[in-house]
Amino acid sequence: MSLHLSASVVSDVGPRRSGNEDAAFVASFAAAVADGVGGGPAGEIASAVLIHRVANSARGVRSPEAARTLLRLSNWDLDARVRLDPSIAGMATTFTGIFIAEGGLFLAHVGDSRAYLLRDGSLTRQTRDDSWVQHLVDSGLLTPDAASTHPRRNIVTASLHGDPRDGDDVTVSRHEARPGDRWLLCTDGVSDYLPTDALLETLLAHPEPEDASDALVALAVTAGTHDNVTAVVCDVMPGAIPSDARPAFAGAAAEHFAEDAAIA
């Protein structure tokens, strides 16, 4: 059965930030979020450059190996940007994205942006955070409940920053794609401030992806997020991917569109 995504993205700078380091895109063949790593230079450039390269090449992803290759090539673009402008050396970004094709659905991930799957009324997290706090949880030194409010939960232990070794940290998994599935991709400005039951309730309450993504961002802002806020909601639908499908961008990827498209 041919399948495609019906997807929407909303990105907001949030009430406490002056700029948006989140970047995202949606298309009928793929969708992704990226979050410039805090504490480093030019996070908004890192996320925008990566998202543009992935979005412009994602239609050709038909296997986990193709997804890994695309992330490796996109990571090289970060290195190329640094060589053009050494002042932004050290910039880095997370990445979480899905690609749909005849072979199924492929989920690629590095960092602490998350993917959730809503199927048959149940919401399950599909990614593991690459973070210091997650390491403490895995080691039995911290409970998951304590992790959600830990003051150092923003420390990321893996990201993309142009080093060829970054690819070793990227995970790519194959998933069954079913009509009726709903995927949520979000940055930690959402997941750090909304518990799973709030995500589930909101996703169930809004049948249209546009309404769901907008409601999630609004809810995170109301919850007091200190970060940029980006939510991508993707519904798996029957039918072929349109031949003229084009990606739509949000956040830093939209703000830096002309500049990044010229370099890609």
C-alpha atoms as a PDB file:
ATOM      1  CA  MET A   1       0.000   0.000   0.000  1.00  0.00           C
ATOM      2  CA  SER A   2       1.291   3.450  -0.901  1.00  0.00           C
ATOM      3  CA  LEU A   3       1.395   5.852   2.031  1.00  0.00           C
ATOM      4  CA  HIS A   4       2.223   9.489   2.635  1.00  0.00           C
ATOM      5  CA  LEU A   5       2.343  11.955   5.509  1.00  0.00           C
ATOM      6  CA  SER A   6      -0.164  14.676   6.242  1.00  0.00           C
ATOM      7  CA  ALA A   7       1.909  16.922   8.467  1.00  0.00           C
ATOM      8  CA  SER A   8       2.051  20.302  10.143  1.00  0.00           C
ATOM      9  CA  VAL A   9       4.724  22.188  12.077  1.00  0.00           C
ATOM     10  CA  VAL A  10       4.522  25.100  14.506  1.00  0.00           C
ATOM     11  CA  SER A  11       7.629  26.733  15.972  1.00  0.00           C
ATOM     12  CA  ASP A  12       7.693  29.576  18.478  1.00  0.00           C
ATOM     13  CA  VAL A  13      10.604  31.457  20.012  1.00  0.00           C
ATOM     14  CA  GLY A  14       8.989  31.053  23.441  1.00  0.00           C
ATOM     15  CA  PRO A  15       8.455  33.672  26.133  1.00  0.00           C
ATOM     16  CA  ARG A  16      12.026  33.737  27.468  1.00  0.00           C
ATOM     17  CA  ARG A  17      14.260  33.614  24.404  1.00  0.00           C
ATOM     18  CA  SER A  18      15.272  36.360  21.995  1.00  0.00           C
ATOM     19  CA  GLY A  19      15.939  34.079  19.026  1.00  0.00           C
ATOM     20  CA  ASN A  20      14.771  30.712  17.726  1.00  0.00           C
ATOM     21  CA  GLU A  21      17.430  27.983  17.477  1.00  0.00           C
ATOM     22  CA  ASP A  22      14.853  25.315  16.580  1.00  0.00           C
ATOM     23  CA  ALA A  23      14.425  24.386  12.916  1.00  0.00           C
ATOM     24  CA  ALA A  24      11.941  22.030  11.298  1.00  0.00           C
ATOM     25  CA  PHE A  25      10.348  20.944   8.047  1.00  0.00           C
ATOM     26  CA  VAL A  26       7.348  18.901   6.969  1.00  0.00           C
ATOM     27  CA  ALA A  27       6.532  17.233   3.664  1.00  0.00           C
ATOM     28  CA  SER A  28       4.411  14.338   2.467  1.00  0.00           C
ATOM     29  CA  PHE A  29       7.574  12.176   2.288  1.00  0.00           C
ATOM     30  CA  ALA A  30       9.426  13.197   5.481  1.00  0.00           C
ATOM     31  CA  ALA A  31       9.482  15.517   8.487  1.00  0.00           C
ATOM     32  CA  ALA A  32      12.084  16.520  11.063  1.00  0.00           C
ATOM     33  CA  VAL A  33      13.037  18.814  13.931  1.00  0.00           C
ATOM     34  CA  ALA A  34      16.462  20.062  14.969  1.00  0.00           C
ATOM     35  CA  ASP A  35      17.506  22.118  17.971  1.00  0.00           C
ATOM     36  CA  GLY A  36      20.707  24.154  18.108  1.00  0.00           C
ATOM     37  CA  VAL A  37      22.641  22.943  21.126  1.00  0.00           C
ATOM     38  CA  GLY A  38      22.533  25.479  23.947  1.00  0.00           C
ATOM     39  CA  GLY A  39      25.741  26.992  25.205  1.00  0.00           C
ATOM     40  CA  GLY A  40      27.454  26.850  21.829  1.00  0.00           C
ATOM     41  CA  PRO A  41      27.761  29.449  19.064  1.00  0.00           C
ATOM     42  CA  ALA A  42      25.309  29.819  16.182  1.00  0.00           C
ATOM     43  CA  GLY A  43      22.901  27.066  17.142  1.00  0.00           C
ATOM     44  CA  GLU A  44      20.301  28.537  14.805  1.00  0.00           C
ATOM     45  CA  ILE A  45      22.714  28.220  11.872  1.00  0.00           C
ATOM     46  CA  ALA A  46      23.531  24.596  12.698  1.00  0.00           C
ATOM     47  CA  SER A  47      19.875  23.556  12.911  1.00  0.00           C
ATOM     48  CA  ALA A  48      18.857  25.500   9.794  1.00  0.00           C
ATOM     49  CA  VAL A  49      21.713  24.203   7.636  1.00  0.00           C
ATOM     50  CA  LEU A  50      21.046  20.612   8.650  1.00  0.00           C
ATOM     51  CA  ILE A  51      17.282  20.812   8.156  1.00  0.00           C
ATOM     52  CA  HIS A  52      17.611  22.371   4.703  1.00  0.00           C
ATOM     53  CA  ARG A  53      19.981  19.714   3.446  1.00  0.00           C
ATOM     54  CA  VAL A  54      17.834  16.883   4.812  1.00  0.00           C
ATOM     55  CA  ALA A  55      14.599  18.376   3.481  1.00  0.00           C
ATOM     56  CA  ASN A  56      16.002  18.904  -0.009  1.00  0.00           C
ATOM     57  CA  SER A  57      17.197  15.285  -0.271  1.00  0.00           C
ATOM     58  CA  ALA A  58      14.749  13.337   1.903  1.00  0.00           C
ATOM     59  CA  ARG A  59      12.568  12.142  -0.947  1.00  0.00           C
ATOM     60  CA  GLY A  60      15.276   9.694  -1.982  1.00  0.00           C
ATOM     61  CA  VAL A  61      15.400   7.920   1.398  1.00  0.00           C
ATOM     62  CA  ARG A  62      14.078   4.384   0.980  1.00  0.00           C
ATOM     63  CA  SER A  63      16.101   2.475   3.557  1.00  0.00           C
ATOM     64  CA  PRO A  64      17.830   2.943   6.916  1.00  0.00           C
ATOM     65  CA  GLU A  65      21.163   2.976   5.097  1.00  0.00           C
ATOM     66  CA  ALA A  66      19.980   5.832   2.864  1.00  0.00           C
ATOM     67  CA  ALA A  67      18.872   7.773   5.951  1.00  0.00           C
ATOM     68  CA  ARG A  68      22.296   7.325   7.558  1.00  0.00           C
ATOM     69  CA  THR A  69      24.018   8.456   4.366  1.00  0.00           C
ATOM     70  CA  LEU A  70      21.832  11.560   4.161  1.00  0.00           C
ATOM     71  CA  LEU A  71      22.593  12.494   7.776  1.00  0.00           C
ATOM     72  CA  ARG A  72      26.306  11.995   7.155  1.00  0.00           C
ATOM     73  CA  LEU A  73      26.220  14.255   4.092  1.00  0.00           C
ATOM     74  CA  SER A  74      24.131  16.839   5.931  1.00  0.00           C
ATOM     75  CA  ASN A  75      26.619  16.806   8.796  1.00  0.00           C
ATOM     76  CA  TRP A  76      29.404  17.575   6.320  1.00  0.00           C
ATOM     77  CA  ASP A  77      27.500  20.753   5.421  1.00  0.00           C
ATOM     78  CA  LEU A  78      28.018  21.932   8.992  1.00  0.00           C
ATOM     79  CA  ASP A  79      31.761  21.471   8.602  1.00  0.00           C
ATOM     80  CA  ALA A  80      31.655  23.332   5.272  1.00  0.00           C
ATOM     81  CA  ARG A  81      29.870  26.267   6.908  1.00  0.00           C
ATOM     82  CA  VAL A  82      32.491  26.433   9.678  1.00  0.00           C
ATOM     83  CA  ARG A  83      35.295  26.443   7.126  1.00  0.00           C
ATOM     84  CA  LEU A  84      33.604  29.423   5.475  1.00  0.00           C
ATOM     85  CA  ASP A  85      33.202  31.195   8.829  1.00  0.00           C
ATOM     86  CA  PRO A  86      35.559  29.970  11.591  1.00  0.00           C
ATOM     87  CA  SER A  87      33.827  32.239  14.124  1.00  0.00           C
ATOM     88  CA  ILE A  88      30.984  29.702  14.386  1.00  0.00           C
ATOM     89  CA  ALA A  89      33.233  26.714  15.105  1.00  0.00           C
ATOM     90  CA  GLY A  90      31.648  24.552  17.775  1.00  0.00           C
ATOM     91  CA  MET A  91      28.051  24.998  16.604  1.00  0.00           C
ATOM     92  CA  ALA A  92      25.967  21.835  16.926  1.00  0.00           C
ATOM     93  CA  THR A  93      22.405  20.582  16.626  1.00  0.00           C
ATOM     94  CA  THR A  94      20.143  17.701  17.539  1.00  0.00           C
ATOM     95  CA  PHE A  95      18.082  15.900  14.884  1.00  0.00           C
ATOM     96  CA  THR A  96      14.954  13.755  14.929  1.00  0.00           C
ATOM     97  CA  GLY A  97      13.217  12.893  11.671  1.00  0.00           C
ATOM     98  CA  ILE A  98      11.003  10.367   9.924  1.00  0.00           C
ATOM     99  CA  PHE A  99      11.086   9.268   6.292  1.00  0.00           C
ATOM    100  CA  ILE A 100       8.257   7.318   4.657  1.00  0.00           C
ATOM    101  CA  ALA A 101       8.692   5.103   1.602  1.00  0.00           C
ATOM    102  CA  GLU A 102       7.545   1.787   0.170  1.00  0.00           C
ATOM    103  CA  GLY A 103       9.912   0.007   2.537  1.00  0.00           C
ATOM    104  CA  GLY A 104       8.235   1.431   5.630  1.00  0.00           C
ATOM    105  CA  LEU A 105       8.973   4.344   7.907  1.00  0.00           C
ATOM    106  CA  PHE A 106      12.503   5.167   9.052  1.00  0.00           C
ATOM    107  CA  LEU A 107      13.252   7.134  12.211  1.00  0.00           C
ATOM    108  CA  ALA A 108      16.632   8.898  12.544  1.00  0.00           C
ATOM    109  CA  HIS A 109      17.715  10.433  15.828  1.00  0.00           C
ATOM    110  CA  VAL A 110      20.579  12.061  17.690  1.00  0.00           C
ATOM    111  CA  GLY A 111      20.339  14.378  20.704  1.00  0.00           C
ATOM    112  CA  ASP A 112      17.348  15.072  22.925  1.00  0.00           C
ATOM    113  CA  SER A 113      14.621  16.101  20.495  1.00  0.00           C
ATOM    114  CA  ARG A 114      12.000  13.363  20.640  1.00  0.00           C
ATOM    115  CA  ALA A 115       9.670  11.219  18.566  1.00  0.00           C
ATOM    116  CA  TYR A 116       6.415   9.744  19.865  1.00  0.00           C
ATOM    117  CA  LEU A 117       3.999   7.362  18.138  1.00  0.00           C
ATOM    118  CA  LEU A 118       0.256   7.516  18.734  1.00  0.00           C
ATOM    119  CA  ARG A 119      -1.342   4.228  17.692  1.00  0.00           C
ATOM    120  CA  ASP A 120      -4.700   2.807  18.746  1.00  0.00           C
ATOM    121  CA  GLY A 121      -5.104   5.445  21.431  1.00  0.00           C
ATOM    122  CA  SER A 122      -1.725   4.776  23.084  1.00  0.00           C
ATOM    123  CA  LEU A 123       1.259   7.156  22.962  1.00  0.00           C
ATOM    124  CA  THR A 124       4.743   5.654  23.180  1.00  0.00           C
ATOM    125  CA  ARG A 125       8.105   7.380  23.068  1.00  0.00           C
ATOM    126  CA  GLN A 126      10.266   6.077  20.213  1.00  0.00           C
ATOM    127  CA  THR A 127      13.602   7.773  20.949  1.00  0.00           C
ATOM    128  CA  ARG A 128      16.121   7.725  23.768  1.00  0.00           C
ATOM    129  CA  ASP A 129      17.579  11.061  24.814  1.00  0.00           C
ATOM    130  CA  ASP A 130      21.305  11.487  24.287  1.00  0.00           C
ATOM    131  CA  SER A 131      21.686  13.484  27.488  1.00  0.00           C
ATOM    132  CA  TRP A 132      23.517  13.507  30.800  1.00  0.00           C
ATOM    133  CA  VAL A 133      20.285  13.053  32.707  1.00  0.00           C
ATOM    134  CA  GLN A 134      19.293  10.034  30.590  1.00  0.00           C
ATOM    135  CA  HIS A 135      22.693   8.513  31.391  1.00  0.00           C
ATOM    136  CA  LEU A 136      21.922   8.927  35.094  1.00  0.00           C
ATOM    137  CA  VAL A 137      18.545   7.241  34.606  1.00  0.00           C
ATOM    138  CA  ASP A 138      20.096   4.361  32.660  1.00  0.00           C
ATOM    139  CA  SER A 139      22.683   3.947  35.427  1.00  0.00           C
ATOM    140  CA  GLY A 140      19.992   3.745  38.104  1.00  0.00           C
ATOM    141  CA  LEU A 141      21.202   6.948  39.754  1.00  0.00           C
ATOM    142  CA  LEU A 142      18.069   8.956  38.937  1.00  0.00           C
ATOM    143  CA  THR A 143      14.400   8.106  38.556  1.00  0.00           C
ATOM    144  CA  PRO A 144      12.527   9.087  35.367  1.00  0.00           C
ATOM    145  CA  ASP A 145      10.288  11.363  37.432  1.00  0.00           C
ATOM    146  CA  ALA A 146      13.292  13.171  38.906  1.00  0.00           C
ATOM    147  CA  ALA A 147      14.866  13.440  35.460  1.00  0.00           C
ATOM    148  CA  SER A 148      11.962  15.517  34.158  1.00  0.00           C
ATOM    149  CA  THR A 149      12.842  18.387  36.505  1.00  0.00           C
ATOM    150  CA  HIS A 150      16.609  17.919  36.885  1.00  0.00           C
ATOM    151  CA  PRO A 151      18.437  21.266  36.521  1.00  0.00           C
ATOM    152  CA  ARG A 152      21.005  19.737  34.133  1.00  0.00           C
ATOM    153  CA  ARG A 153      18.565  17.994  31.833  1.00  0.00           C
ATOM    154  CA  ASN A 154      19.608  20.307  28.981  1.00  0.00           C
ATOM    155  CA  ILE A 155      23.126  18.821  28.748  1.00  0.00           C
ATOM    156  CA  VAL A 156      23.285  16.886  25.465  1.00  0.00           C
ATOM    157  CA  THR A 157      25.851  14.092  25.097  1.00  0.00           C
ATOM    158  CA  ALA A 158      25.544  13.535  21.324  1.00  0.00           C
ATOM    159  CA  SER A 159      24.781  15.891  18.463  1.00  0.00           C
ATOM    160  CA  LEU A 160      25.837  16.810  14.938  1.00  0.00           C
ATOM    161  CA  HIS A 161      28.540  19.451  14.577  1.00  0.00           C
ATOM    162  CA  GLY A 162      30.428  18.569  11.412  1.00  0.00           C
ATOM    163  CA  ASP A 163      32.826  15.966  12.774  1.00  0.00           C
ATOM    164  CA  PRO A 164      32.858  12.732  10.697  1.00  0.00           C
ATOM    165  CA  ARG A 165      32.579  10.767  13.944  1.00  0.00           C
ATOM    166  CA  ASP A 166      29.163  12.312  14.647  1.00  0.00           C
ATOM    167  CA  GLY A 167      27.554   9.671  12.466  1.00  0.00           C
ATOM    168  CA  ASP A 168      28.448   7.013  15.004  1.00  0.00           C
ATOM    169  CA  ASP A 169      25.907   8.521  17.402  1.00  0.00           C
ATOM    170  CA  VAL A 170      22.996   8.633  14.937  1.00  0.00           C
ATOM    171  CA  THR A 171      20.439   5.861  15.371  1.00  0.00           C
ATOM    172  CA  VAL A 172      18.178   4.832  12.491  1.00  0.00           C
ATOM    173  CA  SER A 173      15.357   2.363  12.989  1.00  0.00           C
ATOM    174  CA  ARG A 174      12.745   0.853  10.693  1.00  0.00           C
ATOM    175  CA  HIS A 175       9.082   0.983  11.750  1.00  0.00           C
ATOM    176  CA  GLU A 176       5.873  -0.401  10.341  1.00  0.00           C
ATOM    177  CA  ALA A 177       3.804   2.410   8.851  1.00  0.00           C
ATOM    178  CA  ARG A 178       0.048   2.047   9.355  1.00  0.00           C
ATOM    179  CA  PRO A 179      -2.704   4.340   8.103  1.00  0.00           C
ATOM    180  CA  GLY A 180      -4.088   6.070  11.184  1.00  0.00           C
ATOM    181  CA  ASP A 181      -0.724   6.317  12.966  1.00  0.00           C
ATOM    182  CA  ARG A 182       0.179   9.763  14.262  1.00  0.00           C
ATOM    183  CA  TRP A 183       3.788  10.793  14.913  1.00  0.00           C
ATOM    184  CA  LEU A 184       4.858  13.682  17.110  1.00  0.00           C
ATOM    185  CA  LEU A 185       8.358  15.120  16.702  1.00  0.00           C
ATOM    186  CA  CYS A 186       9.281  17.845  19.157  1.00  0.00           C
ATOM    187  CA  THR A 187      12.143  19.749  20.715  1.00  0.00           C
ATOM    188  CA  ASP A 188      12.767  19.745  24.448  1.00  0.00           C
ATOM    189  CA  GLY A 189      10.892  23.026  24.770  1.00  0.00           C
ATOM    190  CA  VAL A 190       7.818  20.795  24.478  1.00  0.00           C
ATOM    191  CA  SER A 191       8.875  17.496  26.050  1.00  0.00           C
ATOM    192  CA  ASP A 192      10.559  19.033  29.113  1.00  0.00           C
ATOM    193  CA  TYR A 193       7.389  20.880  30.072  1.00  0.00           C
ATOM    194  CA  LEU A 194       4.510  18.615  29.022  1.00  0.00           C
ATOM    195  CA  PRO A 195       4.101  15.119  30.513  1.00  0.00           C
ATOM    196  CA  THR A 196       3.134  12.217  28.306  1.00  0.00           C
ATOM    197  CA  ASP A 197      -0.505  12.282  29.401  1.00  0.00           C
ATOM    198  CA  ALA A 198      -0.788  15.950  28.334  1.00  0.00           C
ATOM    199  CA  LEU A 199       0.750  15.128  24.953  1.00  0.00           C
ATOM    200  CA  LEU A 200      -1.671  12.241  24.500  1.00  0.00           C
ATOM    201  CA  GLU A 201      -4.716  14.256  25.516  1.00  0.00           C
ATOM    202  CA  THR A 202      -3.814  17.067  23.120  1.00  0.00           C
ATOM    203  CA  LEU A 203      -3.079  14.762  20.188  1.00  0.00           C
ATOM    204  CA  LEU A 204      -6.389  12.966  20.678  1.00  0.00           C
ATOM    205  CA  ALA A 205      -8.366  16.180  21.070  1.00  0.00           C
ATOM    206  CA  HIS A 206      -7.293  17.657  17.724  1.00  0.00           C
ATOM    207  CA  PRO A 207      -7.917  15.479  14.645  1.00  0.00           C
ATOM    208  CA  GLU A 208      -6.174  17.869  12.234  1.00  0.00           C
ATOM    209  CA  PRO A 209      -2.349  18.009  12.392  1.00  0.00           C
ATOM    210  CA  GLU A 210      -2.409  21.814  12.109  1.00  0.00           C
ATOM    211  CA  ASP A 211      -4.628  22.166  15.166  1.00  0.00           C
ATOM    212  CA  ALA A 212      -2.661  19.582  17.156  1.00  0.00           C
ATOM    213  CA  SER A 213       0.762  21.159  16.542  1.00  0.00           C
ATOM    214  CA  ASP A 214      -0.581  24.615  17.338  1.00  0.00           C
ATOM    215  CA  ALA A 215      -2.223  23.392  20.548  1.00  0.00           C
ATOM    216  CA  LEU A 216       0.937  21.636  21.737  1.00  0.00           C
ATOM    217  CA  VAL A 217       3.069  24.733  21.291  1.00  0.00           C
ATOM    218  CA  ALA A 218       0.481  26.917  23.018  1.00  0.00           C
ATOM    219  CA  LEU A 219       0.259  24.447  25.903  1.00  0.00           C
ATOM    220  CA  ALA A 220       4.054  24.368  26.359  1.00  0.00           C
ATOM    221  CA  VAL A 221       4.168  28.168  26.441  1.00  0.00           C
ATOM    222  CA  THR A 222       1.378  28.207  29.021  1.00  0.00           C
ATOM    223  CA  ALA A 223       3.293  25.605  31.055  1.00  0.00           C
ATOM    224  CA  GLY A 224       6.162  28.073  31.393  1.00  0.00           C
ATOM    225  CA  THR A 225       8.735  26.729  28.938  1.00  0.00           C
ATOM    226  CA  HIS A 226      12.107  28.462  29.113  1.00  0.00           C
ATOM    227  CA  ASP A 227      13.099  27.288  25.631  1.00  0.00           C
ATOM    228  CA  ASN A 228      12.128  27.567  21.993  1.00  0.00           C
ATOM    229  CA  VAL A 229       9.090  25.425  21.249  1.00  0.00           C
ATOM    230  CA  THR A 230       8.594  23.293  18.123  1.00  0.00           C
ATOM    231  CA  ALA A 231       6.036  20.554  17.443  1.00  0.00           C
ATOM    232  CA  VAL A 232       5.605  18.526  14.259  1.00  0.00           C
ATOM    233  CA  VAL A 233       2.505  16.343  13.957  1.00  0.00           C
ATOM    234  CA  CYS A 234       2.410  13.771  11.131  1.00  0.00           C
ATOM    235  CA  ASP A 235      -0.513  11.526  10.221  1.00  0.00           C
ATOM    236  CA  VAL A 236       0.183   8.435   8.107  1.00  0.00           C
ATOM    237  CA  MET A 237      -2.336   8.429   5.255  1.00  0.00           C
ATOM    238  CA  PRO A 238      -3.143   6.060   2.377  1.00  0.00           C
ATOM    239  CA  GLY A 239      -2.175   7.217  -1.081  1.00  0.00           C
ATOM    240  CA  ALA A 240       0.957   7.956  -3.061  1.00  0.00           C
ATOM    241  CA  ILE A 241       3.290  10.874  -2.376  1.00  0.00           C
ATOM    242  CA  PRO A 242       2.424  13.668  -4.831  1.00  0.00           C
ATOM    243  CA  SER A 243       5.043  14.119  -7.547  1.00  0.00           C
ATOM    244  CA  ASP A 244       5.195  17.871  -6.892  1.00  0.00           C
ATOM    245  CA  ALA A 245       5.512  17.582  -3.082  1.00  0.00           C
ATOM    246  CA  ARG A 246       7.672  20.281  -1.517  1.00  0.00           C
ATOM    247  CA  PRO A 247       8.884  20.782   2.058  1.00  0.00           C
ATOM    248  CA  ALA A 248       7.606  23.589   4.281  1.00  0.00           C
ATOM    249  CA  PHE A 249      10.015  25.092   6.810  1.00  0.00           C
ATOM    250  CA  ALA A 250       9.614  26.599  10.274  1.00  0.00           C
ATOM    251  CA  GLY A 251      11.743  28.219  12.962  1.00  0.00           C
ATOM    252  CA  ALA A 252      15.368  28.988  12.109  1.00  0.00           C
ATOM    253  CA  ALA A 253      15.014  26.991   8.885  1.00  0.00           C
ATOM    254  CA  ALA A 254      12.382  29.457   7.661  1.00  0.00           C
ATOM    255  CA  GLU A 255      14.262  32.527   8.892  1.00  0.00           C
ATOM    256  CA  HIS A 256      17.525  31.483   7.214  1.00  0.00           C
ATOM    257  CA  PHE A 257      15.939  29.951   4.092  1.00  0.00           C
ATOM    258  CA  ALA A 258      17.503  32.100   1.401  1.00  0.00           C
ATOM    259  CA  GLU A 259      21.013  32.037   2.872  1.00  0.00           C
ATOM    260  CA  ASP A 260      21.088  28.314   3.617  1.00  0.00           C
ATOM    261  CA  ALA A 261      19.497  27.295   0.311  1.00  0.00           C
ATOM    262  CA  ALA A 262      22.253  29.150  -1.531  1.00  0.00           C
ATOM    263  CA  ILE A 263      24.991  27.233   0.320  1.00  0.00           C
ATOM    264  CA  ALA A 264      23.388  23.755   0.277  1.00  0.00           C
END
